[in-house]
Amino acid sequence: RVTRYRYKKNLDDPWIVPEVDHFDDEGFYAGKITGDEDR
């Protein structure tokens, strides 16, 4: 029950799965990402 993530440079590229592919730890759930230009 963690929030996982993937990333890539271009949408046509395969997703990169980092070695640690989740934020925080068990119990942080339904995480959503938002931001501005710097954060």
PDB file of all heavy atoms in Angstrom:
ATOM      1  N   ARG A   1       0.829  -1.216   0.000  1.00  0.00           N
ATOM      2  CA  ARG A   1       0.000   0.000   0.000  1.00  0.00           C
ATOM      3  C   ARG A   1       0.859   1.261   0.000  1.00  0.00           C
ATOM      4  O   ARG A   1       0.762   2.097   0.880  1.00  0.00           O
ATOM      5  CB  ARG A   1      -0.986  -0.021   1.155  1.00  0.00           C
ATOM      6  CG  ARG A   1      -1.931  -1.218   1.068  1.00  0.00           C
ATOM      7  CD  ARG A   1      -3.091  -1.158   2.007  1.00  0.00           C
ATOM      8  NE  ARG A   1      -4.058  -0.135   1.681  1.00  0.00           N
ATOM      9  CZ  ARG A   1      -4.995  -0.215   0.742  1.00  0.00           C
ATOM     10  NH1 ARG A   1      -5.073  -1.277  -0.013  1.00  0.00           N
ATOM     11  NH2 ARG A   1      -5.839   0.756   0.549  1.00  0.00           N
ATOM     12  N   VAL A   2       1.710   1.367  -0.997  1.00  0.00           N
ATOM     13  CA  VAL A   2       2.558   2.543  -1.164  1.00  0.00           C
ATOM     14  C   VAL A   2       2.180   3.269  -2.448  1.00  0.00           C
ATOM     15  O   VAL A   2       1.495   2.717  -3.312  1.00  0.00           O
ATOM     16  CB  VAL A   2       4.057   2.166  -1.212  1.00  0.00           C
ATOM     17  CG1 VAL A   2       4.524   1.594   0.123  1.00  0.00           C
ATOM     18  CG2 VAL A   2       4.360   1.208  -2.351  1.00  0.00           C
ATOM     19  N   THR A   3       2.641   4.501  -2.585  1.00  0.00           N
ATOM     20  CA  THR A   3       2.464   5.261  -3.817  1.00  0.00           C
ATOM     21  C   THR A   3       3.744   5.116  -4.633  1.00  0.00           C
ATOM     22  O   THR A   3       4.813   5.556  -4.214  1.00  0.00           O
ATOM     23  CB  THR A   3       2.164   6.738  -3.518  1.00  0.00           C
ATOM     24  OG1 THR A   3       0.958   6.809  -2.757  1.00  0.00           O
ATOM     25  CG2 THR A   3       2.001   7.536  -4.800  1.00  0.00           C
ATOM     26  N   ARG A   4       3.630   4.476  -5.782  1.00  0.00           N
ATOM     27  CA  ARG A   4       4.771   4.193  -6.649  1.00  0.00           C
ATOM     28  C   ARG A   4       4.873   5.225  -7.773  1.00  0.00           C
ATOM     29  O   ARG A   4       3.900   5.901  -8.079  1.00  0.00           O
ATOM     30  CB  ARG A   4       4.633   2.796  -7.247  1.00  0.00           C
ATOM     31  CG  ARG A   4       4.620   1.709  -6.180  1.00  0.00           C
ATOM     32  CD  ARG A   4       4.704   0.320  -6.785  1.00  0.00           C
ATOM     33  NE  ARG A   4       4.675  -0.697  -5.762  1.00  0.00           N
ATOM     34  CZ  ARG A   4       5.728  -1.091  -5.056  1.00  0.00           C
ATOM     35  NH1 ARG A   4       6.906  -0.551  -5.293  1.00  0.00           N
ATOM     36  NH2 ARG A   4       5.616  -2.026  -4.135  1.00  0.00           N
ATOM     37  N   TYR A   5       6.057   5.300  -8.400  1.00  0.00           N
ATOM     38  CA  TYR A   5       6.214   6.198  -9.535  1.00  0.00           C
ATOM     39  C   TYR A   5       7.147   5.610 -10.583  1.00  0.00           C
ATOM     40  O   TYR A   5       7.938   4.723 -10.321  1.00  0.00           O
ATOM     41  CB  TYR A   5       6.706   7.576  -9.087  1.00  0.00           C
ATOM     42  CG  TYR A   5       8.171   7.628  -8.699  1.00  0.00           C
ATOM     43  CD1 TYR A   5       9.130   8.075  -9.607  1.00  0.00           C
ATOM     44  CD2 TYR A   5       8.583   7.243  -7.439  1.00  0.00           C
ATOM     45  CE1 TYR A   5      10.468   8.123  -9.251  1.00  0.00           C
ATOM     46  CE2 TYR A   5       9.914   7.287  -7.082  1.00  0.00           C
ATOM     47  CZ  TYR A   5      10.846   7.735  -7.993  1.00  0.00           C
ATOM     48  OH  TYR A   5      12.179   7.778  -7.642  1.00  0.00           O
ATOM     49  N   ARG A   6       6.982   6.127 -11.795  1.00  0.00           N
ATOM     50  CA  ARG A   6       7.813   5.808 -12.951  1.00  0.00           C
ATOM     51  C   ARG A   6       8.137   7.136 -13.619  1.00  0.00           C
ATOM     52  O   ARG A   6       7.432   8.121 -13.430  1.00  0.00           O
ATOM     53  CB  ARG A   6       7.056   4.930 -13.962  1.00  0.00           C
ATOM     54  CG  ARG A   6       6.328   3.721 -13.370  1.00  0.00           C
ATOM     55  CD  ARG A   6       7.310   2.688 -12.919  1.00  0.00           C
ATOM     56  NE  ARG A   6       6.657   1.468 -12.466  1.00  0.00           N
ATOM     57  CZ  ARG A   6       6.656   1.064 -11.213  1.00  0.00           C
ATOM     58  NH1 ARG A   6       7.203   1.810 -10.263  1.00  0.00           N
ATOM     59  NH2 ARG A   6       6.113  -0.083 -10.874  1.00  0.00           N
ATOM     60  N   TYR A   7       9.168   7.163 -14.459  1.00  0.00           N
ATOM     61  CA  TYR A   7       9.485   8.393 -15.174  1.00  0.00           C
ATOM     62  C   TYR A   7      10.124   8.073 -16.523  1.00  0.00           C
ATOM     63  O   TYR A   7      10.597   6.965 -16.754  1.00  0.00           O
ATOM     64  CB  TYR A   7      10.384   9.307 -14.329  1.00  0.00           C
ATOM     65  CG  TYR A   7      11.779   8.787 -14.101  1.00  0.00           C
ATOM     66  CD1 TYR A   7      12.838   9.221 -14.900  1.00  0.00           C
ATOM     67  CD2 TYR A   7      12.057   7.864 -13.100  1.00  0.00           C
ATOM     68  CE1 TYR A   7      14.124   8.747 -14.695  1.00  0.00           C
ATOM     69  CE2 TYR A   7      13.328   7.383 -12.885  1.00  0.00           C
ATOM     70  CZ  TYR A   7      14.360   7.834 -13.686  1.00  0.00           C
ATOM     71  OH  TYR A   7      15.629   7.360 -13.495  1.00  0.00           O
ATOM     72  N   LYS A   8      10.111   9.077 -17.402  1.00  0.00           N
ATOM     73  CA  LYS A   8      10.764   8.950 -18.701  1.00  0.00           C
ATOM     74  C   LYS A   8      10.868  10.315 -19.346  1.00  0.00           C
ATOM     75  O   LYS A   8      10.153  11.256 -18.987  1.00  0.00           O
ATOM     76  CB  LYS A   8      10.016   7.981 -19.613  1.00  0.00           C
ATOM     77  CG  LYS A   8       8.578   8.333 -19.941  1.00  0.00           C
ATOM     78  CD  LYS A   8       8.030   7.245 -20.838  1.00  0.00           C
ATOM     79  CE  LYS A   8       6.543   7.184 -20.915  1.00  0.00           C
ATOM     80  NZ  LYS A   8       6.109   6.094 -21.804  1.00  0.00           N
ATOM     81  N   LYS A   9      11.771  10.426 -20.299  1.00  0.00           N
ATOM     82  CA  LYS A   9      12.022  11.701 -20.980  1.00  0.00           C
ATOM     83  C   LYS A   9      10.922  11.992 -22.005  1.00  0.00           C
ATOM     84  O   LYS A   9      10.376  13.074 -22.036  1.00  0.00           O
ATOM     85  CB  LYS A   9      13.396  11.652 -21.651  1.00  0.00           C
ATOM     86  CG  LYS A   9      13.856  12.945 -22.230  1.00  0.00           C
ATOM     87  CD  LYS A   9      14.525  13.779 -21.186  1.00  0.00           C
ATOM     88  CE  LYS A   9      15.247  14.947 -21.829  1.00  0.00           C
ATOM     89  NZ  LYS A   9      15.520  15.989 -20.881  1.00  0.00           N
ATOM     90  N   ASN A  10      10.631  11.029 -22.844  1.00  0.00           N
ATOM     91  CA  ASN A  10       9.647  11.195 -23.907  1.00  0.00           C
ATOM     92  C   ASN A  10       8.519  10.182 -23.716  1.00  0.00           C
ATOM     93  O   ASN A  10       8.771   9.052 -23.311  1.00  0.00           O
ATOM     94  CB  ASN A  10      10.292  10.980 -25.283  1.00  0.00           C
ATOM     95  CG  ASN A  10      11.420  11.944 -25.525  1.00  0.00           C
ATOM     96  OD1 ASN A  10      11.226  13.158 -25.493  1.00  0.00           O
ATOM     97  ND2 ASN A  10      12.618  11.419 -25.735  1.00  0.00           N
ATOM     98  N   LEU A  11       7.319  10.558 -24.071  1.00  0.00           N
ATOM     99  CA  LEU A  11       6.181   9.660 -23.882  1.00  0.00           C
ATOM    100  C   LEU A  11       6.295   8.365 -24.679  1.00  0.00           C
ATOM    101  O   LEU A  11       5.710   7.358 -24.309  1.00  0.00           O
ATOM    102  CB  LEU A  11       4.875  10.380 -24.224  1.00  0.00           C
ATOM    103  CG  LEU A  11       4.414  11.382 -23.174  1.00  0.00           C
ATOM    104  CD1 LEU A  11       3.235  12.193 -23.679  1.00  0.00           C
ATOM    105  CD2 LEU A  11       4.066  10.675 -21.872  1.00  0.00           C
ATOM    106  N   ASP A  12       7.055   8.364 -25.764  1.00  0.00           N
ATOM    107  CA  ASP A  12       7.237   7.152 -26.563  1.00  0.00           C
ATOM    108  C   ASP A  12       8.270   6.205 -25.969  1.00  0.00           C
ATOM    109  O   ASP A  12       8.358   5.046 -26.381  1.00  0.00           O
ATOM    110  CB  ASP A  12       7.642   7.511 -27.996  1.00  0.00           C
ATOM    111  CG  ASP A  12       6.526   8.226 -28.738  1.00  0.00           C
ATOM    112  OD1 ASP A  12       5.344   7.974 -28.423  1.00  0.00           O
ATOM    113  OD2 ASP A  12       6.832   9.042 -29.628  1.00  0.00           O
ATOM    114  N   ASP A  13       9.068   6.674 -25.012  1.00  0.00           N
ATOM    115  CA  ASP A  13      10.092   5.847 -24.377  1.00  0.00           C
ATOM    116  C   ASP A  13       9.449   4.874 -23.394  1.00  0.00           C
ATOM    117  O   ASP A  13       8.357   5.123 -22.887  1.00  0.00           O
ATOM    118  CB  ASP A  13      11.091   6.715 -23.601  1.00  0.00           C
ATOM    119  CG  ASP A  13      11.879   7.653 -24.511  1.00  0.00           C
ATOM    120  OD1 ASP A  13      11.942   7.392 -25.725  1.00  0.00           O
ATOM    121  OD2 ASP A  13      12.426   8.645 -23.981  1.00  0.00           O
ATOM    122  N   PRO A  14      10.148   3.787 -23.064  1.00  0.00           N
ATOM    123  CA  PRO A  14       9.647   2.917 -21.990  1.00  0.00           C
ATOM    124  C   PRO A  14       9.781   3.623 -20.639  1.00  0.00           C
ATOM    125  O   PRO A  14      10.663   4.470 -20.462  1.00  0.00           O
ATOM    126  CB  PRO A  14      10.545   1.678 -22.063  1.00  0.00           C
ATOM    127  CG  PRO A  14      11.667   2.010 -22.960  1.00  0.00           C
ATOM    128  CD  PRO A  14      11.334   3.247 -23.715  1.00  0.00           C
ATOM    129  N   TRP A  15       8.919   3.274 -19.706  1.00  0.00           N
ATOM    130  CA  TRP A  15       8.985   3.861 -18.366  1.00  0.00           C
ATOM    131  C   TRP A  15      10.208   3.335 -17.625  1.00  0.00           C
ATOM    132  O   TRP A  15      10.521   2.149 -17.699  1.00  0.00           O
ATOM    133  CB  TRP A  15       7.724   3.530 -17.570  1.00  0.00           C
ATOM    134  CG  TRP A  15       6.529   4.272 -18.057  1.00  0.00           C
ATOM    135  CD1 TRP A  15       5.532   3.780 -18.846  1.00  0.00           C
ATOM    136  CD2 TRP A  15       6.204   5.641 -17.808  1.00  0.00           C
ATOM    137  NE1 TRP A  15       4.610   4.765 -19.091  1.00  0.00           N
ATOM    138  CE2 TRP A  15       4.996   5.920 -18.469  1.00  0.00           C
ATOM    139  CE3 TRP A  15       6.819   6.667 -17.086  1.00  0.00           C
ATOM    140  CZ2 TRP A  15       4.389   7.165 -18.437  1.00  0.00           C
ATOM    141  CZ3 TRP A  15       6.218   7.914 -17.046  1.00  0.00           C
ATOM    142  CH2 TRP A  15       5.021   8.155 -17.717  1.00  0.00           C
ATOM    143  N   ILE A  16      10.882   4.219 -16.917  1.00  0.00           N
ATOM    144  CA  ILE A  16      12.011   3.850 -16.074  1.00  0.00           C
ATOM    145  C   ILE A  16      11.464   3.555 -14.682  1.00  0.00           C
ATOM    146  O   ILE A  16      10.720   4.361 -14.116  1.00  0.00           O
ATOM    147  CB  ILE A  16      13.051   4.987 -16.023  1.00  0.00           C
ATOM    148  CG1 ILE A  16      13.608   5.239 -17.429  1.00  0.00           C
ATOM    149  CG2 ILE A  16      14.164   4.661 -15.020  1.00  0.00           C
ATOM    150  CD1 ILE A  16      14.398   6.524 -17.561  1.00  0.00           C
ATOM    151  N   VAL A  17      11.816   2.392 -14.146  1.00  0.00           N
ATOM    152  CA  VAL A  17      11.404   1.997 -12.801  1.00  0.00           C
ATOM    153  C   VAL A  17      12.642   2.100 -11.913  1.00  0.00           C
ATOM    154  O   VAL A  17      13.557   1.282 -12.031  1.00  0.00           O
ATOM    155  CB  VAL A  17      10.848   0.562 -12.784  1.00  0.00           C
ATOM    156  CG1 VAL A  17      10.429   0.172 -11.365  1.00  0.00           C
ATOM    157  CG2 VAL A  17       9.692   0.410 -13.757  1.00  0.00           C
ATOM    158  N   PRO A  18      12.697   3.111 -11.041  1.00  0.00           N
ATOM    159  CA  PRO A  18      13.883   3.253 -10.187  1.00  0.00           C
ATOM    160  C   PRO A  18      13.984   2.113  -9.177  1.00  0.00           C
ATOM    161  O   PRO A  18      13.006   1.416  -8.904  1.00  0.00           O
ATOM    162  CB  PRO A  18      13.661   4.594  -9.477  1.00  0.00           C
ATOM    163  CG  PRO A  18      12.208   4.843  -9.569  1.00  0.00           C
ATOM    164  CD  PRO A  18      11.698   4.140 -10.784  1.00  0.00           C
ATOM    165  N   GLU A  19      15.181   1.929  -8.618  1.00  0.00           N
ATOM    166  CA  GLU A  19      15.392   0.851  -7.650  1.00  0.00           C
ATOM    167  C   GLU A  19      14.436   0.974  -6.469  1.00  0.00           C
ATOM    168  O   GLU A  19      13.843  -0.005  -6.034  1.00  0.00           O
ATOM    169  CB  GLU A  19      16.839   0.863  -7.160  1.00  0.00           C
ATOM    170  CG  GLU A  19      17.170  -0.298  -6.254  1.00  0.00           C
ATOM    171  CD  GLU A  19      18.628  -0.323  -5.856  1.00  0.00           C
ATOM    172  OE1 GLU A  19      19.471   0.255  -6.567  1.00  0.00           O
ATOM    173  OE2 GLU A  19      18.928  -0.935  -4.817  1.00  0.00           O
ATOM    174  N   VAL A  20      14.286   2.172  -5.948  1.00  0.00           N
ATOM    175  CA  VAL A  20      13.270   2.456  -4.936  1.00  0.00           C
ATOM    176  C   VAL A  20      12.183   3.231  -5.670  1.00  0.00           C
ATOM    177  O   VAL A  20      12.357   4.401  -5.986  1.00  0.00           O
ATOM    178  CB  VAL A  20      13.828   3.267  -3.740  1.00  0.00           C
ATOM    179  CG1 VAL A  20      12.724   3.610  -2.764  1.00  0.00           C
ATOM    180  CG2 VAL A  20      14.947   2.500  -3.059  1.00  0.00           C
ATOM    181  N   ASP A  21      11.079   2.563  -5.968  1.00  0.00           N
ATOM    182  CA  ASP A  21      10.073   3.136  -6.870  1.00  0.00           C
ATOM    183  C   ASP A  21       8.839   3.655  -6.150  1.00  0.00           C
ATOM    184  O   ASP A  21       7.765   3.739  -6.729  1.00  0.00           O
ATOM    185  CB  ASP A  21       9.667   2.115  -7.927  1.00  0.00           C
ATOM    186  CG  ASP A  21       8.812   0.990  -7.365  1.00  0.00           C
ATOM    187  OD1 ASP A  21       8.879   0.731  -6.150  1.00  0.00           O
ATOM    188  OD2 ASP A  21       8.063   0.388  -8.150  1.00  0.00           O
ATOM    189  N   HIS A  22       8.984   4.005  -4.868  1.00  0.00           N
ATOM    190  CA  HIS A  22       7.834   4.520  -4.132  1.00  0.00           C
ATOM    191  C   HIS A  22       8.249   5.709  -3.265  1.00  0.00           C
ATOM    192  O   HIS A  22       9.425   5.879  -2.935  1.00  0.00           O
ATOM    193  CB  HIS A  22       7.198   3.427  -3.260  1.00  0.00           C
ATOM    194  CG  HIS A  22       8.125   2.849  -2.245  1.00  0.00           C
ATOM    195  ND1 HIS A  22       8.987   1.821  -2.541  1.00  0.00           N
ATOM    196  CD2 HIS A  22       8.328   3.157  -0.948  1.00  0.00           C
ATOM    197  CE1 HIS A  22       9.677   1.520  -1.463  1.00  0.00           C
ATOM    198  NE2 HIS A  22       9.305   2.320  -0.483  1.00  0.00           N
ATOM    199  N   PHE A  23       7.255   6.532  -2.934  1.00  0.00           N
ATOM    200  CA  PHE A  23       7.461   7.670  -2.052  1.00  0.00           C
ATOM    201  C   PHE A  23       7.194   7.225  -0.618  1.00  0.00           C
ATOM    202  O   PHE A  23       6.306   6.422  -0.373  1.00  0.00           O
ATOM    203  CB  PHE A  23       6.474   8.802  -2.387  1.00  0.00           C
ATOM    204  CG  PHE A  23       6.595   9.309  -3.793  1.00  0.00           C
ATOM    205  CD1 PHE A  23       5.644   8.971  -4.742  1.00  0.00           C
ATOM    206  CD2 PHE A  23       7.644  10.110  -4.174  1.00  0.00           C
ATOM    207  CE1 PHE A  23       5.725   9.441  -6.035  1.00  0.00           C
ATOM    208  CE2 PHE A  23       7.747  10.595  -5.467  1.00  0.00           C
ATOM    209  CZ  PHE A  23       6.789  10.252  -6.403  1.00  0.00           C
ATOM    210  N   ASP A  24       7.920   7.776   0.312  1.00  0.00           N
ATOM    211  CA  ASP A  24       7.694   7.519   1.728  1.00  0.00           C
ATOM    212  C   ASP A  24       7.727   6.021   1.992  1.00  0.00           C
ATOM    213  O   ASP A  24       8.685   5.359   1.603  1.00  0.00           O
ATOM    214  CB  ASP A  24       6.395   8.176   2.186  1.00  0.00           C
ATOM    215  CG  ASP A  24       6.372   8.438   3.692  1.00  0.00           C
ATOM    216  OD1 ASP A  24       7.362   8.122   4.358  1.00  0.00           O
ATOM    217  OD2 ASP A  24       5.361   8.941   4.182  1.00  0.00           O
ATOM    218  N   ASP A  25       6.722   5.462   2.614  1.00  0.00           N
ATOM    219  CA  ASP A  25       6.742   4.039   2.935  1.00  0.00           C
ATOM    220  C   ASP A  25       5.316   3.529   3.082  1.00  0.00           C
ATOM    221  O   ASP A  25       4.362   4.250   2.769  1.00  0.00           O
ATOM    222  CB  ASP A  25       7.539   3.793   4.218  1.00  0.00           C
ATOM    223  CG  ASP A  25       8.163   2.401   4.253  1.00  0.00           C
ATOM    224  OD1 ASP A  25       7.811   1.551   3.412  1.00  0.00           O
ATOM    225  OD2 ASP A  25       9.007   2.170   5.119  1.00  0.00           O
ATOM    226  N   GLU A  26       5.168   2.331   3.590  1.00  0.00           N
ATOM    227  CA  GLU A  26       3.843   1.734   3.728  1.00  0.00           C
ATOM    228  C   GLU A  26       2.928   2.653   4.526  1.00  0.00           C
ATOM    229  O   GLU A  26       3.327   3.227   5.534  1.00  0.00           O
ATOM    230  CB  GLU A  26       3.943   0.372   4.414  1.00  0.00           C
ATOM    231  CG  GLU A  26       4.633  -0.653   3.558  1.00  0.00           C
ATOM    232  CD  GLU A  26       4.667  -2.034   4.195  1.00  0.00           C
ATOM    233  OE1 GLU A  26       3.977  -2.269   5.191  1.00  0.00           O
ATOM    234  OE2 GLU A  26       5.402  -2.872   3.659  1.00  0.00           O
ATOM    235  N   GLY A  27       1.718   2.792   4.053  1.00  0.00           N
ATOM    236  CA  GLY A  27       0.737   3.619   4.745  1.00  0.00           C
ATOM    237  C   GLY A  27       0.509   4.958   4.074  1.00  0.00           C
ATOM    238  O   GLY A  27      -0.563   5.526   4.209  1.00  0.00           O
ATOM    239  N   PHE A  28       1.506   5.499   3.343  1.00  0.00           N
ATOM    240  CA  PHE A  28       1.244   6.724   2.581  1.00  0.00           C
ATOM    241  C   PHE A  28       0.576   6.278   1.294  1.00  0.00           C
ATOM    242  O   PHE A  28       1.198   5.657   0.443  1.00  0.00           O
ATOM    243  CB  PHE A  28       2.522   7.501   2.281  1.00  0.00           C
ATOM    244  CG  PHE A  28       2.245   8.722   1.452  1.00  0.00           C
ATOM    245  CD1 PHE A  28       1.736   9.859   2.049  1.00  0.00           C
ATOM    246  CD2 PHE A  28       2.453   8.720   0.087  1.00  0.00           C
ATOM    247  CE1 PHE A  28       1.440  10.983   1.293  1.00  0.00           C
ATOM    248  CE2 PHE A  28       2.164   9.831  -0.676  1.00  0.00           C
ATOM    249  CZ  PHE A  28       1.663  10.962  -0.070  1.00  0.00           C
ATOM    250  N   TYR A  29      -0.711   6.599   1.149  1.00  0.00           N
ATOM    251  CA  TYR A  29      -1.501   5.987   0.084  1.00  0.00           C
ATOM    252  C   TYR A  29      -2.267   7.051  -0.701  1.00  0.00           C
ATOM    253  O   TYR A  29      -2.555   8.125  -0.184  1.00  0.00           O
ATOM    254  CB  TYR A  29      -2.488   4.985   0.691  1.00  0.00           C
ATOM    255  CG  TYR A  29      -3.073   4.061  -0.338  1.00  0.00           C
ATOM    256  CD1 TYR A  29      -2.295   3.083  -0.927  1.00  0.00           C
ATOM    257  CD2 TYR A  29      -4.390   4.196  -0.746  1.00  0.00           C
ATOM    258  CE1 TYR A  29      -2.819   2.242  -1.888  1.00  0.00           C
ATOM    259  CE2 TYR A  29      -4.917   3.356  -1.703  1.00  0.00           C
ATOM    260  CZ  TYR A  29      -4.128   2.387  -2.268  1.00  0.00           C
ATOM    261  OH  TYR A  29      -4.638   1.566  -3.231  1.00  0.00           O
ATOM    262  N   ALA A  30      -2.616   6.703  -1.910  1.00  0.00           N
ATOM    263  CA  ALA A  30      -3.394   7.576  -2.798  1.00  0.00           C
ATOM    264  C   ALA A  30      -2.684   8.902  -3.011  1.00  0.00           C
ATOM    265  O   ALA A  30      -3.304   9.936  -3.136  1.00  0.00           O
ATOM    266  CB  ALA A  30      -4.810   7.785  -2.255  1.00  0.00           C
ATOM    267  N   GLY A  31      -1.360   8.851  -3.058  1.00  0.00           N
ATOM    268  CA  GLY A  31      -0.576  10.066  -3.288  1.00  0.00           C
ATOM    269  C   GLY A  31      -0.760  10.597  -4.690  1.00  0.00           C
ATOM    270  O   GLY A  31      -0.814   9.836  -5.653  1.00  0.00           O
ATOM    271  N   LYS A  32      -0.859  11.892  -4.803  1.00  0.00           N
ATOM    272  CA  LYS A  32      -0.973  12.568  -6.096  1.00  0.00           C
ATOM    273  C   LYS A  32       0.171  13.577  -6.190  1.00  0.00           C
ATOM    274  O   LYS A  32       0.629  14.116  -5.190  1.00  0.00           O
ATOM    275  CB  LYS A  32      -2.306  13.304  -6.214  1.00  0.00           C
ATOM    276  CG  LYS A  32      -3.533  12.413  -6.040  1.00  0.00           C
ATOM    277  CD  LYS A  32      -3.821  11.586  -7.245  1.00  0.00           C
ATOM    278  CE  LYS A  32      -4.759  12.310  -8.162  1.00  0.00           C
ATOM    279  NZ  LYS A  32      -5.050  11.583  -9.378  1.00  0.00           N
ATOM    280  N   ILE A  33       0.633  13.836  -7.409  1.00  0.00           N
ATOM    281  CA  ILE A  33       1.731  14.771  -7.639  1.00  0.00           C
ATOM    282  C   ILE A  33       1.178  16.024  -8.290  1.00  0.00           C
ATOM    283  O   ILE A  33       0.367  15.964  -9.211  1.00  0.00           O
ATOM    284  CB  ILE A  33       2.791  14.169  -8.583  1.00  0.00           C
ATOM    285  CG1 ILE A  33       3.314  12.839  -8.055  1.00  0.00           C
ATOM    286  CG2 ILE A  33       3.938  15.144  -8.776  1.00  0.00           C
ATOM    287  CD1 ILE A  33       4.205  12.123  -9.051  1.00  0.00           C
ATOM    288  N   THR A  34       1.637  17.163  -7.829  1.00  0.00           N
ATOM    289  CA  THR A  34       1.361  18.439  -8.482  1.00  0.00           C
ATOM    290  C   THR A  34       2.609  19.293  -8.327  1.00  0.00           C
ATOM    291  O   THR A  34       3.552  18.897  -7.659  1.00  0.00           O
ATOM    292  CB  THR A  34       0.108  19.125  -7.888  1.00  0.00           C
ATOM    293  OG1 THR A  34      -0.263  20.226  -8.721  1.00  0.00           O
ATOM    294  CG2 THR A  34       0.367  19.610  -6.475  1.00  0.00           C
ATOM    295  N   GLY A  35       2.636  20.451  -8.942  1.00  0.00           N
ATOM    296  CA  GLY A  35       3.828  21.280  -8.808  1.00  0.00           C
ATOM    297  C   GLY A  35       3.733  22.570  -9.585  1.00  0.00           C
ATOM    298  O   GLY A  35       2.722  22.879 -10.219  1.00  0.00           O
ATOM    299  N   ASP A  36       4.818  23.307  -9.505  1.00  0.00           N
ATOM    300  CA  ASP A  36       4.970  24.506 -10.319  1.00  0.00           C
ATOM    301  C   ASP A  36       6.265  24.328 -11.112  1.00  0.00           C
ATOM    302  O   ASP A  36       6.761  23.207 -11.240  1.00  0.00           O
ATOM    303  CB  ASP A  36       4.957  25.770  -9.442  1.00  0.00           C
ATOM    304  CG  ASP A  36       6.044  25.788  -8.378  1.00  0.00           C
ATOM    305  OD1 ASP A  36       7.082  25.084  -8.544  1.00  0.00           O
ATOM    306  OD2 ASP A  36       5.875  26.498  -7.378  1.00  0.00           O
ATOM    307  N   GLU A  37       6.840  25.395 -11.616  1.00  0.00           N
ATOM    308  CA  GLU A  37       8.026  25.256 -12.464  1.00  0.00           C
ATOM    309  C   GLU A  37       9.261  24.791 -11.705  1.00  0.00           C
ATOM    310  O   GLU A  37      10.176  24.232 -12.293  1.00  0.00           O
ATOM    311  CB  GLU A  37       8.307  26.574 -13.162  1.00  0.00           C
ATOM    312  CG  GLU A  37       7.241  26.941 -14.175  1.00  0.00           C
ATOM    313  CD  GLU A  37       7.501  28.276 -14.839  1.00  0.00           C
ATOM    314  OE1 GLU A  37       8.582  28.868 -14.630  1.00  0.00           O
ATOM    315  OE2 GLU A  37       6.609  28.740 -15.576  1.00  0.00           O
ATOM    316  N   ASP A  38       9.295  25.015 -10.394  1.00  0.00           N
ATOM    317  CA  ASP A  38      10.498  24.717  -9.622  1.00  0.00           C
ATOM    318  C   ASP A  38      10.369  23.579  -8.616  1.00  0.00           C
ATOM    319  O   ASP A  38      11.370  23.070  -8.135  1.00  0.00           O
ATOM    320  CB  ASP A  38      10.948  25.971  -8.855  1.00  0.00           C
ATOM    321  CG  ASP A  38      11.318  27.097  -9.791  1.00  0.00           C
ATOM    322  OD1 ASP A  38      12.011  26.827 -10.794  1.00  0.00           O
ATOM    323  OD2 ASP A  38      10.897  28.234  -9.536  1.00  0.00           O
ATOM    324  N   ARG A  39       9.142  23.222  -8.248  1.00  0.00           N
ATOM    325  CA  ARG A  39       8.967  22.261  -7.168  1.00  0.00           C
ATOM    326  C   ARG A  39       7.857  21.269  -7.498  1.00  0.00           C
ATOM    327  O   ARG A  39       6.889  21.607  -8.158  1.00  0.00           O
ATOM    328  CB  ARG A  39       8.590  22.971  -5.865  1.00  0.00           C
ATOM    329  CG  ARG A  39       9.618  23.976  -5.409  1.00  0.00           C
ATOM    330  CD  ARG A  39       9.105  24.776  -4.254  1.00  0.00           C
ATOM    331  NE  ARG A  39       7.963  25.592  -4.700  1.00  0.00           N
ATOM    332  CZ  ARG A  39       7.231  26.351  -3.909  1.00  0.00           C
ATOM    333  NH1 ARG A  39       7.498  26.399  -2.626  1.00  0.00           N
ATOM    334  NH2 ARG A  39       6.231  27.060  -4.375  1.00  0.00           N
TER     335      ARG A  39
END
